[in-house]
PDB file of all heavy atoms in Angstrom:
ATOM      1  N   ALA A   1       9.596 -13.267  -2.701  1.00  0.00           N
ATOM      2  CA  ALA A   1      10.320 -12.016  -2.891  1.00  0.00           C
ATOM      3  C   ALA A   1      11.019 -11.982  -4.238  1.00  0.00           C
ATOM      4  O   ALA A   1      10.988 -10.965  -4.950  1.00  0.00           O
ATOM      5  CB  ALA A   1      11.322 -11.818  -1.755  1.00  0.00           C
ATOM      6  N   LYS A   2      11.647 -13.103  -4.619  1.00  0.00           N
ATOM      7  CA  LYS A   2      12.350 -13.159  -5.908  1.00  0.00           C
ATOM      8  C   LYS A   2      11.373 -13.056  -7.080  1.00  0.00           C
ATOM      9  O   LYS A   2      11.644 -12.375  -8.066  1.00  0.00           O
ATOM     10  CB  LYS A   2      13.150 -14.451  -6.005  1.00  0.00           C
ATOM     11  CG  LYS A   2      14.424 -14.458  -5.170  1.00  0.00           C
ATOM     12  CD  LYS A   2      15.182 -15.756  -5.357  1.00  0.00           C
ATOM     13  CE  LYS A   2      16.492 -15.744  -4.550  1.00  0.00           C
ATOM     14  NZ  LYS A   2      17.242 -17.020  -4.718  1.00  0.00           N
ATOM     15  N   ALA A   3      10.247 -13.755  -6.940  1.00  0.00           N
ATOM     16  CA  ALA A   3       9.259 -13.745  -8.026  1.00  0.00           C
ATOM     17  C   ALA A   3       8.740 -12.330  -8.297  1.00  0.00           C
ATOM     18  O   ALA A   3       8.603 -11.922  -9.451  1.00  0.00           O
ATOM     19  CB  ALA A   3       8.097 -14.679  -7.680  1.00  0.00           C
ATOM     20  N   ILE A   4       8.490 -11.577  -7.225  1.00  0.00           N
ATOM     21  CA  ILE A   4       7.994 -10.207  -7.381  1.00  0.00           C
ATOM     22  C   ILE A   4       9.107  -9.283  -7.869  1.00  0.00           C
ATOM     23  O   ILE A   4       8.914  -8.463  -8.754  1.00  0.00           O
ATOM     24  CB  ILE A   4       7.405  -9.685  -6.059  1.00  0.00           C
ATOM     25  CG1 ILE A   4       6.216 -10.532  -5.630  1.00  0.00           C
ATOM     26  CG2 ILE A   4       6.974  -8.216  -6.202  1.00  0.00           C
ATOM     27  CD1 ILE A   4       5.702 -10.214  -4.232  1.00  0.00           C
ATOM     28  N   ALA A   5      10.297  -9.450  -7.292  1.00  0.00           N
ATOM     29  CA  ALA A   5      11.418  -8.561  -7.611  1.00  0.00           C
ATOM     30  C   ALA A   5      11.859  -8.672  -9.056  1.00  0.00           C
ATOM     31  O   ALA A   5      12.272  -7.677  -9.669  1.00  0.00           O
ATOM     32  CB  ALA A   5      12.596  -8.843  -6.678  1.00  0.00           C
ATOM     33  N   PHE A   6      11.790  -9.902  -9.620  1.00  0.00           N
ATOM     34  CA  PHE A   6      12.237 -10.112 -10.994  1.00  0.00           C
ATOM     35  C   PHE A   6      11.093 -10.023 -12.012  1.00  0.00           C
ATOM     36  O   PHE A   6      11.296 -10.245 -13.201  1.00  0.00           O
ATOM     37  CB  PHE A   6      12.938 -11.466 -11.127  1.00  0.00           C
ATOM     38  CG  PHE A   6      14.307 -11.487 -10.507  1.00  0.00           C
ATOM     39  CD1 PHE A   6      14.533 -12.126  -9.293  1.00  0.00           C
ATOM     40  CD2 PHE A   6      15.370 -10.855 -11.132  1.00  0.00           C
ATOM     41  CE1 PHE A   6      15.786 -12.130  -8.708  1.00  0.00           C
ATOM     42  CE2 PHE A   6      16.644 -10.860 -10.548  1.00  0.00           C
ATOM     43  CZ  PHE A   6      16.842 -11.489  -9.333  1.00  0.00           C
ATOM     44  N   SER A   7       9.906  -9.695 -11.524  1.00  0.00           N
ATOM     45  CA  SER A   7       8.753  -9.580 -12.413  1.00  0.00           C
ATOM     46  C   SER A   7       8.929  -8.392 -13.359  1.00  0.00           C
ATOM     47  O   SER A   7       9.518  -7.367 -13.012  1.00  0.00           O
ATOM     48  CB  SER A   7       7.476  -9.398 -11.595  1.00  0.00           C
ATOM     49  OG  SER A   7       6.389  -9.056 -12.439  1.00  0.00           O
ATOM     50  N   ARG A   8       8.426  -8.548 -14.561  1.00  0.00           N
ATOM     51  CA  ARG A   8       8.482  -7.464 -15.545  1.00  0.00           C
ATOM     52  C   ARG A   8       7.182  -6.665 -15.607  1.00  0.00           C
ATOM     53  O   ARG A   8       6.963  -5.875 -16.517  1.00  0.00           O
ATOM     54  CB  ARG A   8       8.799  -8.023 -16.931  1.00  0.00           C
ATOM     55  CG  ARG A   8      10.209  -8.626 -17.025  1.00  0.00           C
ATOM     56  CD  ARG A   8      10.545  -9.007 -18.440  1.00  0.00           C
ATOM     57  NE  ARG A   8      11.904  -9.526 -18.564  1.00  0.00           N
ATOM     58  CZ  ARG A   8      12.457  -9.895 -19.710  1.00  0.00           C
ATOM     59  NH1 ARG A   8      11.741  -9.814 -20.842  1.00  0.00           N
ATOM     60  NH2 ARG A   8      13.699 -10.358 -19.744  1.00  0.00           N
ATOM     61  N   LYS A   9       6.330  -6.911 -14.651  1.00  0.00           N
ATOM     62  CA  LYS A   9       5.079  -6.168 -14.602  1.00  0.00           C
ATOM     63  C   LYS A   9       5.338  -4.688 -14.323  1.00  0.00           C
ATOM     64  O   LYS A   9       6.360  -4.315 -13.755  1.00  0.00           O
ATOM     65  CB  LYS A   9       4.155  -6.748 -13.527  1.00  0.00           C
ATOM     66  CG  LYS A   9       3.659  -8.154 -13.803  1.00  0.00           C
ATOM     67  CD  LYS A   9       2.707  -8.621 -12.725  1.00  0.00           C
ATOM     68  CE  LYS A   9       2.228 -10.040 -12.981  1.00  0.00           C
ATOM     69  NZ  LYS A   9       1.392 -10.141 -14.206  1.00  0.00           N
ATOM     70  N   SER A  10       4.398  -3.849 -14.708  1.00  0.00           N
ATOM     71  CA  SER A  10       4.510  -2.408 -14.484  1.00  0.00           C
ATOM     72  C   SER A  10       4.463  -2.087 -12.994  1.00  0.00           C
ATOM     73  O   SER A  10       4.049  -2.921 -12.183  1.00  0.00           O
ATOM     74  CB  SER A  10       3.378  -1.674 -15.202  1.00  0.00           C
ATOM     75  OG  SER A  10       2.124  -1.994 -14.598  1.00  0.00           O
ATOM     76  N   TYR A  11       4.904  -0.882 -12.669  1.00  0.00           N
ATOM     77  CA  TYR A  11       4.827  -0.449 -11.276  1.00  0.00           C
ATOM     78  C   TYR A  11       3.409  -0.582 -10.740  1.00  0.00           C
ATOM     79  O   TYR A  11       3.184  -1.038  -9.615  1.00  0.00           O
ATOM     80  CB  TYR A  11       5.272   1.015 -11.158  1.00  0.00           C
ATOM     81  CG  TYR A  11       6.754   1.230 -11.244  1.00  0.00           C
ATOM     82  CD1 TYR A  11       7.322   1.835 -12.360  1.00  0.00           C
ATOM     83  CD2 TYR A  11       7.590   0.842 -10.208  1.00  0.00           C
ATOM     84  CE1 TYR A  11       8.690   2.053 -12.438  1.00  0.00           C
ATOM     85  CE2 TYR A  11       8.958   1.055 -10.280  1.00  0.00           C
ATOM     86  CZ  TYR A  11       9.504   1.663 -11.390  1.00  0.00           C
ATOM     87  OH  TYR A  11      10.853   1.870 -11.463  1.00  0.00           O
ATOM     88  N   TRP A  12       2.440  -0.165 -11.557  1.00  0.00           N
ATOM     89  CA  TRP A  12       1.045  -0.163 -11.125  1.00  0.00           C
ATOM     90  C   TRP A  12       0.542  -1.584 -10.843  1.00  0.00           C
ATOM     91  O   TRP A  12      -0.104  -1.824  -9.820  1.00  0.00           O
ATOM     92  CB  TRP A  12       0.174   0.518 -12.182  1.00  0.00           C
ATOM     93  CG  TRP A  12      -1.251   0.728 -11.748  1.00  0.00           C
ATOM     94  CD1 TRP A  12      -2.354   0.108 -12.224  1.00  0.00           C
ATOM     95  CD2 TRP A  12      -1.706   1.614 -10.734  1.00  0.00           C
ATOM     96  NE1 TRP A  12      -3.484   0.540 -11.586  1.00  0.00           N
ATOM     97  CE2 TRP A  12      -3.109   1.488 -10.650  1.00  0.00           C
ATOM     98  CE3 TRP A  12      -1.061   2.501  -9.873  1.00  0.00           C
ATOM     99  CZ2 TRP A  12      -3.886   2.211  -9.753  1.00  0.00           C
ATOM    100  CZ3 TRP A  12      -1.827   3.231  -8.977  1.00  0.00           C
ATOM    101  CH2 TRP A  12      -3.224   3.075  -8.928  1.00  0.00           C
ATOM    102  N   ASN A  13       0.846  -2.520 -11.740  1.00  0.00           N
ATOM    103  CA  ASN A  13       0.421  -3.906 -11.524  1.00  0.00           C
ATOM    104  C   ASN A  13       1.163  -4.558 -10.358  1.00  0.00           C
ATOM    105  O   ASN A  13       0.590  -5.340  -9.583  1.00  0.00           O
ATOM    106  CB  ASN A  13       0.622  -4.720 -12.790  1.00  0.00           C
ATOM    107  CG  ASN A  13      -0.387  -4.367 -13.876  1.00  0.00           C
ATOM    108  OD1 ASN A  13      -1.495  -3.920 -13.592  1.00  0.00           O
ATOM    109  ND2 ASN A  13      -0.007  -4.554 -15.139  1.00  0.00           N
ATOM    110  N   THR A  14       2.448  -4.234 -10.226  1.00  0.00           N
ATOM    111  CA  THR A  14       3.238  -4.789  -9.129  1.00  0.00           C
ATOM    112  C   THR A  14       2.717  -4.322  -7.770  1.00  0.00           C
ATOM    113  O   THR A  14       2.772  -5.059  -6.785  1.00  0.00           O
ATOM    114  CB  THR A  14       4.712  -4.396  -9.282  1.00  0.00           C
ATOM    115  OG1 THR A  14       5.193  -4.823 -10.545  1.00  0.00           O
ATOM    116  CG2 THR A  14       5.562  -5.027  -8.184  1.00  0.00           C
ATOM    117  N   SER A  15       2.194  -3.105  -7.734  1.00  0.00           N
ATOM    118  CA  SER A  15       1.702  -2.562  -6.470  1.00  0.00           C
ATOM    119  C   SER A  15       0.604  -3.410  -5.862  1.00  0.00           C
ATOM    120  O   SER A  15       0.398  -3.400  -4.646  1.00  0.00           O
ATOM    121  CB  SER A  15       1.210  -1.127  -6.665  1.00  0.00           C
ATOM    122  OG  SER A  15       0.053  -1.101  -7.505  1.00  0.00           O
ATOM    123  N   MET A  16      -0.129  -4.187  -6.687  1.00  0.00           N
ATOM    124  CA  MET A  16      -1.166  -5.077  -6.175  1.00  0.00           C
ATOM    125  C   MET A  16      -0.553  -6.190  -5.334  1.00  0.00           C
ATOM    126  O   MET A  16      -1.084  -6.562  -4.286  1.00  0.00           O
ATOM    127  CB  MET A  16      -1.972  -5.682  -7.324  1.00  0.00           C
ATOM    128  CG  MET A  16      -2.816  -4.687  -8.087  1.00  0.00           C
ATOM    129  SD  MET A  16      -3.728  -5.463  -9.448  1.00  0.00           S
ATOM    130  CE  MET A  16      -4.707  -6.653  -8.587  1.00  0.00           C
ATOM    131  N   PHE A  17       0.586  -6.702  -5.791  1.00  0.00           N
ATOM    132  CA  PHE A  17       1.234  -7.813  -5.098  1.00  0.00           C
ATOM    133  C   PHE A  17       1.972  -7.348  -3.837  1.00  0.00           C
ATOM    134  O   PHE A  17       1.897  -8.013  -2.802  1.00  0.00           O
ATOM    135  CB  PHE A  17       2.208  -8.532  -6.037  1.00  0.00           C
ATOM    136  CG  PHE A  17       1.543  -9.137  -7.236  1.00  0.00           C
ATOM    137  CD1 PHE A  17       1.579  -8.508  -8.468  1.00  0.00           C
ATOM    138  CD2 PHE A  17       0.859 -10.341  -7.128  1.00  0.00           C
ATOM    139  CE1 PHE A  17       0.953  -9.062  -9.574  1.00  0.00           C
ATOM    140  CE2 PHE A  17       0.226 -10.906  -8.238  1.00  0.00           C
ATOM    141  CZ  PHE A  17       0.268 -10.258  -9.452  1.00  0.00           C
ATOM    142  N   ILE A  18       2.675  -6.231  -3.944  1.00  0.00           N
ATOM    143  CA  ILE A  18       3.436  -5.781  -2.781  1.00  0.00           C
ATOM    144  C   ILE A  18       2.521  -5.206  -1.704  1.00  0.00           C
ATOM    145  O   ILE A  18       2.952  -4.988  -0.572  1.00  0.00           O
ATOM    146  CB  ILE A  18       4.523  -4.759  -3.167  1.00  0.00           C
ATOM    147  CG1 ILE A  18       3.917  -3.472  -3.739  1.00  0.00           C
ATOM    148  CG2 ILE A  18       5.517  -5.381  -4.125  1.00  0.00           C
ATOM    149  CD1 ILE A  18       4.973  -2.398  -3.999  1.00  0.00           C
ATOM    150  N   GLY A  19       1.251  -5.000  -2.061  1.00  0.00           N
ATOM    151  CA  GLY A  19       0.290  -4.548  -1.064  1.00  0.00           C
ATOM    152  C   GLY A  19       0.090  -5.553   0.056  1.00  0.00           C
ATOM    153  O   GLY A  19      -0.351  -5.206   1.151  1.00  0.00           O
ATOM    154  N   ILE A  20       0.409  -6.825  -0.216  1.00  0.00           N
ATOM    155  CA  ILE A  20       0.337  -7.870   0.815  1.00  0.00           C
ATOM    156  C   ILE A  20       1.338  -7.589   1.934  1.00  0.00           C
ATOM    157  O   ILE A  20       1.106  -7.897   3.099  1.00  0.00           O
ATOM    158  CB  ILE A  20       0.608  -9.259   0.194  1.00  0.00           C
ATOM    159  CG1 ILE A  20      -0.420  -9.553  -0.904  1.00  0.00           C
ATOM    160  CG2 ILE A  20       0.629 -10.348   1.251  1.00  0.00           C
ATOM    161  CD1 ILE A  20      -0.087 -10.786  -1.731  1.00  0.00           C
ATOM    162  N   TYR A  21       2.454  -6.971   1.563  1.00  0.00           N
ATOM    163  CA  TYR A  21       3.548  -6.743   2.505  1.00  0.00           C
ATOM    164  C   TYR A  21       3.637  -5.282   2.957  1.00  0.00           C
ATOM    165  O   TYR A  21       3.877  -5.011   4.139  1.00  0.00           O
ATOM    166  CB  TYR A  21       4.874  -7.208   1.874  1.00  0.00           C
ATOM    167  CG  TYR A  21       4.768  -8.604   1.314  1.00  0.00           C
ATOM    168  CD1 TYR A  21       4.704  -8.837  -0.066  1.00  0.00           C
ATOM    169  CD2 TYR A  21       4.687  -9.690   2.170  1.00  0.00           C
ATOM    170  CE1 TYR A  21       4.589 -10.111  -0.573  1.00  0.00           C
ATOM    171  CE2 TYR A  21       4.565 -10.992   1.671  1.00  0.00           C
ATOM    172  CZ  TYR A  21       4.498 -11.182   0.304  1.00  0.00           C
ATOM    173  OH  TYR A  21       4.353 -12.460  -0.192  1.00  0.00           O
ATOM    174  N   ILE A  22       3.451  -4.351   2.009  1.00  0.00           N
ATOM    175  CA  ILE A  22       3.383  -2.935   2.386  1.00  0.00           C
ATOM    176  C   ILE A  22       1.902  -2.654   2.679  1.00  0.00           C
ATOM    177  O   ILE A  22       1.150  -2.179   1.831  1.00  0.00           O
ATOM    178  CB  ILE A  22       3.914  -2.013   1.272  1.00  0.00           C
ATOM    179  CG1 ILE A  22       5.326  -2.425   0.864  1.00  0.00           C
ATOM    180  CG2 ILE A  22       3.927  -0.549   1.758  1.00  0.00           C
ATOM    181  CD1 ILE A  22       5.881  -1.631  -0.316  1.00  0.00           C
ATOM    182  N   THR A  23       1.484  -3.018   3.856  1.00  0.00           N
ATOM    183  CA  THR A  23       0.068  -3.001   4.215  1.00  0.00           C
ATOM    184  C   THR A  23      -0.436  -1.582   4.491  1.00  0.00           C
ATOM    185  O   THR A  23       0.345  -0.639   4.662  1.00  0.00           O
ATOM    186  CB  THR A  23      -0.182  -3.856   5.467  1.00  0.00           C
ATOM    187  OG1 THR A  23       0.550  -3.277   6.565  1.00  0.00           O
ATOM    188  CG2 THR A  23       0.275  -5.292   5.232  1.00  0.00           C
ATOM    189  N   ASN A  24      -1.755  -1.484   4.560  1.00  0.00           N
ATOM    190  CA  ASN A  24      -2.361  -0.197   4.942  1.00  0.00           C
ATOM    191  C   ASN A  24      -1.851   0.254   6.298  1.00  0.00           C
ATOM    192  O   ASN A  24      -1.579   1.440   6.529  1.00  0.00           O
ATOM    193  CB  ASN A  24      -3.885  -0.316   4.974  1.00  0.00           C
ATOM    194  CG  ASN A  24      -4.482  -0.602   3.616  1.00  0.00           C
ATOM    195  OD1 ASN A  24      -3.785  -0.592   2.594  1.00  0.00           O
ATOM    196  ND2 ASN A  24      -5.784  -0.844   3.583  1.00  0.00           N
ATOM    197  N   GLU A  25      -1.712  -0.697   7.207  1.00  0.00           N
ATOM    198  CA  GLU A  25      -1.259  -0.380   8.554  1.00  0.00           C
ATOM    199  C   GLU A  25       0.184   0.128   8.555  1.00  0.00           C
ATOM    200  O   GLU A  25       0.533   1.049   9.308  1.00  0.00           O
ATOM    201  CB  GLU A  25      -1.378  -1.619   9.456  1.00  0.00           C
ATOM    202  CG  GLU A  25      -1.129  -1.361  10.935  1.00  0.00           C
ATOM    203  CD  GLU A  25      -2.119  -0.369  11.528  1.00  0.00           C
ATOM    204  OE1 GLU A  25      -3.267  -0.310  11.062  1.00  0.00           O
ATOM    205  OE2 GLU A  25      -1.714   0.375  12.459  1.00  0.00           O
ATOM    206  N   SER A  26       1.032  -0.479   7.708  1.00  0.00           N
ATOM    207  CA  SER A  26       2.428  -0.041   7.660  1.00  0.00           C
ATOM    208  C   SER A  26       2.537   1.378   7.099  1.00  0.00           C
ATOM    209  O   SER A  26       3.378   2.160   7.534  1.00  0.00           O
ATOM    210  CB  SER A  26       3.265  -1.011   6.825  1.00  0.00           C
ATOM    211  OG  SER A  26       2.905  -0.947   5.442  1.00  0.00           O
ATOM    212  N   LEU A  27       1.686   1.712   6.125  1.00  0.00           N
ATOM    213  CA  LEU A  27       1.678   3.077   5.588  1.00  0.00           C
ATOM    214  C   LEU A  27       1.178   4.063   6.638  1.00  0.00           C
ATOM    215  O   LEU A  27       1.656   5.191   6.714  1.00  0.00           O
ATOM    216  CB  LEU A  27       0.810   3.147   4.330  1.00  0.00           C
ATOM    217  CG  LEU A  27       1.341   2.387   3.111  1.00  0.00           C
ATOM    218  CD1 LEU A  27       0.349   2.465   1.950  1.00  0.00           C
ATOM    219  CD2 LEU A  27       2.708   2.934   2.686  1.00  0.00           C
ATOM    220  N   LYS A  28       0.228   3.613   7.427  1.00  0.00           N
ATOM    221  CA  LYS A  28      -0.273   4.444   8.520  1.00  0.00           C
ATOM    222  C   LYS A  28       0.832   4.727   9.535  1.00  0.00           C
ATOM    223  O   LYS A  28       0.954   5.843  10.043  1.00  0.00           O
ATOM    224  CB  LYS A  28      -1.460   3.747   9.195  1.00  0.00           C
ATOM    225  CG  LYS A  28      -2.161   4.585  10.245  1.00  0.00           C
ATOM    226  CD  LYS A  28      -3.374   3.848  10.796  1.00  0.00           C
ATOM    227  CE  LYS A  28      -4.096   4.678  11.862  1.00  0.00           C
ATOM    228  NZ  LYS A  28      -5.290   3.930  12.388  1.00  0.00           N
ATOM    229  N   LYS A  29       1.651   3.706   9.816  1.00  0.00           N
ATOM    230  CA  LYS A  29       2.762   3.878  10.747  1.00  0.00           C
ATOM    231  C   LYS A  29       3.812   4.845  10.204  1.00  0.00           C
ATOM    232  O   LYS A  29       4.521   5.507  10.968  1.00  0.00           O
ATOM    233  CB  LYS A  29       3.400   2.516  11.050  1.00  0.00           C
ATOM    234  CG  LYS A  29       2.547   1.644  11.968  1.00  0.00           C
ATOM    235  CD  LYS A  29       3.221   0.315  12.248  1.00  0.00           C
ATOM    236  CE  LYS A  29       2.362  -0.548  13.182  1.00  0.00           C
ATOM    237  NZ  LYS A  29       2.992  -1.881  13.424  1.00  0.00           N
ATOM    238  N   LYS A  30       3.917   4.909   8.866  1.00  0.00           N
ATOM    239  CA  LYS A  30       4.831   5.872   8.257  1.00  0.00           C
ATOM    240  C   LYS A  30       4.301   7.308   8.338  1.00  0.00           C
ATOM    241  O   LYS A  30       4.978   8.266   8.000  1.00  0.00           O
ATOM    242  CB  LYS A  30       5.096   5.501   6.793  1.00  0.00           C
ATOM    243  CG  LYS A  30       5.949   4.254   6.608  1.00  0.00           C
ATOM    244  CD  LYS A  30       6.182   3.960   5.147  1.00  0.00           C
ATOM    245  CE  LYS A  30       7.020   2.712   4.932  1.00  0.00           C
ATOM    246  NZ  LYS A  30       8.412   2.869   5.425  1.00  0.00           N
ATOM    247  N   GLY A  31       3.039   7.437   8.773  1.00  0.00           N
ATOM    248  CA  GLY A  31       2.460   8.766   8.972  1.00  0.00           C
ATOM    249  C   GLY A  31       1.410   9.179   7.968  1.00  0.00           C
ATOM    250  O   GLY A  31       0.835  10.257   8.080  1.00  0.00           O
ATOM    251  N   LEU A  32       1.138   8.315   6.954  1.00  0.00           N
ATOM    252  CA  LEU A  32       0.178   8.677   5.917  1.00  0.00           C
ATOM    253  C   LEU A  32      -1.237   8.711   6.486  1.00  0.00           C
ATOM    254  O   LEU A  32      -1.710   7.748   7.089  1.00  0.00           O
ATOM    255  CB  LEU A  32       0.245   7.688   4.756  1.00  0.00           C
ATOM    256  CG  LEU A  32      -0.724   7.954   3.596  1.00  0.00           C
ATOM    257  CD1 LEU A  32      -0.357   9.246   2.863  1.00  0.00           C
ATOM    258  CD2 LEU A  32      -0.740   6.777   2.611  1.00  0.00           C
ATOM    259  N   VAL A  33      -1.910   9.831   6.263  1.00  0.00           N
ATOM    260  CA  VAL A  33      -3.308   9.974   6.676  1.00  0.00           C
ATOM    261  C   VAL A  33      -4.212   9.378   5.605  1.00  0.00           C
ATOM    262  O   VAL A  33      -4.101   9.719   4.427  1.00  0.00           O
ATOM    263  CB  VAL A  33      -3.669  11.457   6.907  1.00  0.00           C
ATOM    264  CG1 VAL A  33      -5.172  11.626   7.110  1.00  0.00           C
ATOM    265  CG2 VAL A  33      -2.909  12.012   8.099  1.00  0.00           C
ATOM    266  N   SER A  34      -5.078   8.473   6.015  1.00  0.00           N
ATOM    267  CA  SER A  34      -6.052   7.910   5.094  1.00  0.00           C
ATOM    268  C   SER A  34      -7.207   8.885   4.919  1.00  0.00           C
ATOM    269  O   SER A  34      -7.835   9.285   5.904  1.00  0.00           O
ATOM    270  CB  SER A  34      -6.593   6.582   5.638  1.00  0.00           C
ATOM    271  OG  SER A  34      -7.821   6.239   5.022  1.00  0.00           O
ATOM    272  N   PRO A  35      -7.520   9.305   3.666  1.00  0.00           N
ATOM    273  CA  PRO A  35      -8.671  10.189   3.459  1.00  0.00           C
ATOM    274  C   PRO A  35      -9.956   9.644   4.067  1.00  0.00           C
ATOM    275  O   PRO A  35     -10.738  10.381   4.671  1.00  0.00           O
ATOM    276  CB  PRO A  35      -8.763  10.286   1.934  1.00  0.00           C
ATOM    277  CG  PRO A  35      -7.342  10.106   1.469  1.00  0.00           C
ATOM    278  CD  PRO A  35      -6.772   9.078   2.414  1.00  0.00           C
ATOM    279  N   LEU A  36     -10.188   8.330   3.931  1.00  0.00           N
ATOM    280  CA  LEU A  36     -11.392   7.731   4.487  1.00  0.00           C
ATOM    281  C   LEU A  36     -11.402   7.816   6.005  1.00  0.00           C
ATOM    282  O   LEU A  36     -12.411   8.213   6.612  1.00  0.00           O
ATOM    283  CB  LEU A  36     -11.517   6.272   4.046  1.00  0.00           C
ATOM    284  CG  LEU A  36     -12.713   5.508   4.644  1.00  0.00           C
ATOM    285  CD1 LEU A  36     -14.031   6.143   4.211  1.00  0.00           C
ATOM    286  CD2 LEU A  36     -12.652   4.031   4.245  1.00  0.00           C
ATOM    287  N   ASP A  37     -10.288   7.450   6.641  1.00  0.00           N
ATOM    288  CA  ASP A  37     -10.223   7.482   8.106  1.00  0.00           C
ATOM    289  C   ASP A  37     -10.424   8.895   8.641  1.00  0.00           C
ATOM    290  O   ASP A  37     -11.146   9.098   9.626  1.00  0.00           O
ATOM    291  CB  ASP A  37      -8.880   6.931   8.600  1.00  0.00           C
ATOM    292  CG  ASP A  37      -8.752   5.426   8.396  1.00  0.00           C
ATOM    293  OD1 ASP A  37      -9.777   4.785   8.076  1.00  0.00           O
ATOM    294  OD2 ASP A  37      -7.622   4.901   8.537  1.00  0.00           O
ATOM    295  N   HIS A  38      -9.776   9.863   7.989  1.00  0.00           N
ATOM    296  CA  HIS A  38      -9.910  11.246   8.451  1.00  0.00           C
ATOM    297  C   HIS A  38     -11.338  11.746   8.259  1.00  0.00           C
ATOM    298  O   HIS A  38     -11.879  12.448   9.122  1.00  0.00           O
ATOM    299  CB  HIS A  38      -8.921  12.154   7.716  1.00  0.00           C
ATOM    300  CG  HIS A  38      -8.847  13.534   8.281  1.00  0.00           C
ATOM    301  ND1 HIS A  38      -8.409  13.797   9.568  1.00  0.00           N
ATOM    302  CD2 HIS A  38      -9.196  14.742   7.758  1.00  0.00           C
ATOM    303  CE1 HIS A  38      -8.469  15.096   9.795  1.00  0.00           C
ATOM    304  NE2 HIS A  38      -8.949  15.689   8.714  1.00  0.00           N
ATOM    305  N   TYR A  39     -11.950  11.362   7.136  1.00  0.00           N
ATOM    306  CA  TYR A  39     -13.335  11.760   6.896  1.00  0.00           C
ATOM    307  C   TYR A  39     -14.264  11.185   7.952  1.00  0.00           C
ATOM    308  O   TYR A  39     -15.104  11.895   8.517  1.00  0.00           O
ATOM    309  CB  TYR A  39     -13.767  11.306   5.497  1.00  0.00           C
ATOM    310  CG  TYR A  39     -15.255  11.445   5.257  1.00  0.00           C
ATOM    311  CD1 TYR A  39     -15.843  12.691   5.152  1.00  0.00           C
ATOM    312  CD2 TYR A  39     -16.077  10.312   5.164  1.00  0.00           C
ATOM    313  CE1 TYR A  39     -17.210  12.824   4.939  1.00  0.00           C
ATOM    314  CE2 TYR A  39     -17.433  10.436   4.958  1.00  0.00           C
ATOM    315  CZ  TYR A  39     -17.999  11.694   4.845  1.00  0.00           C
ATOM    316  OH  TYR A  39     -19.351  11.823   4.659  1.00  0.00           O
ATOM    317  N   LEU A  40     -14.135   9.886   8.227  1.00  0.00           N
ATOM    318  CA  LEU A  40     -15.000   9.247   9.219  1.00  0.00           C
ATOM    319  C   LEU A  40     -14.799   9.845  10.612  1.00  0.00           C
ATOM    320  O   LEU A  40     -15.725   9.891  11.425  1.00  0.00           O
ATOM    321  CB  LEU A  40     -14.736   7.742   9.249  1.00  0.00           C
ATOM    322  CG  LEU A  40     -15.123   6.968   7.978  1.00  0.00           C
ATOM    323  CD1 LEU A  40     -14.686   5.521   8.084  1.00  0.00           C
ATOM    324  CD2 LEU A  40     -16.626   7.074   7.715  1.00  0.00           C
ATOM    325  N   LYS A  41     -13.586  10.318  10.864  1.00  0.00           N
ATOM    326  CA  LYS A  41     -13.265  10.899  12.167  1.00  0.00           C
ATOM    327  C   LYS A  41     -13.934  12.256  12.366  1.00  0.00           C
ATOM    328  O   LYS A  41     -14.421  12.557  13.458  1.00  0.00           O
ATOM    329  CB  LYS A  41     -11.745  11.030  12.296  1.00  0.00           C
ATOM    330  CG  LYS A  41     -11.269  11.636  13.608  1.00  0.00           C
ATOM    331  CD  LYS A  41      -9.745  11.740  13.630  1.00  0.00           C
ATOM    332  CE  LYS A  41      -9.253  12.428  14.904  1.00  0.00           C
ATOM    333  NZ  LYS A  41      -7.761  12.553  14.893  1.00  0.00           N
ATOM    334  N   ILE A  42     -13.980  13.085  11.304  1.00  0.00           N
ATOM    335  CA  ILE A  42     -14.447  14.461  11.492  1.00  0.00           C
ATOM    336  C   ILE A  42     -15.789  14.757  10.826  1.00  0.00           C
ATOM    337  O   ILE A  42     -16.325  15.866  10.976  1.00  0.00           O
ATOM    338  CB  ILE A  42     -13.407  15.483  10.979  1.00  0.00           C
ATOM    339  CG1 ILE A  42     -13.330  15.456   9.444  1.00  0.00           C
ATOM    340  CG2 ILE A  42     -12.041  15.250  11.613  1.00  0.00           C
ATOM    341  CD1 ILE A  42     -12.648  16.670   8.877  1.00  0.00           C
ATOM    342  N   HIS A  43     -16.351  13.806  10.085  1.00  0.00           N
ATOM    343  CA  HIS A  43     -17.605  14.061   9.373  1.00  0.00           C
ATOM    344  C   HIS A  43     -18.696  14.516  10.333  1.00  0.00           C
ATOM    345  O   HIS A  43     -18.928  13.897  11.378  1.00  0.00           O
ATOM    346  CB  HIS A  43     -18.061  12.801   8.641  1.00  0.00           C
ATOM    347  CG  HIS A  43     -19.399  12.930   7.977  1.00  0.00           C
ATOM    348  ND1 HIS A  43     -19.713  13.986   7.126  1.00  0.00           N
ATOM    349  CD2 HIS A  43     -20.521  12.153   8.048  1.00  0.00           C
ATOM    350  CE1 HIS A  43     -20.958  13.842   6.700  1.00  0.00           C
ATOM    351  NE2 HIS A  43     -21.464  12.753   7.235  1.00  0.00           N
TER     352      HIS A  43
END
């Protein structure tokens, strides 16, 4: 957590690392609709 928090990397590059913790599933729980999931559901 400290290594990521104190990193000077850009937001975009940092997003690769925090993706380990802010997972696809956690974003789904927040209510975000995945374009791929919705497409596969209604195609």
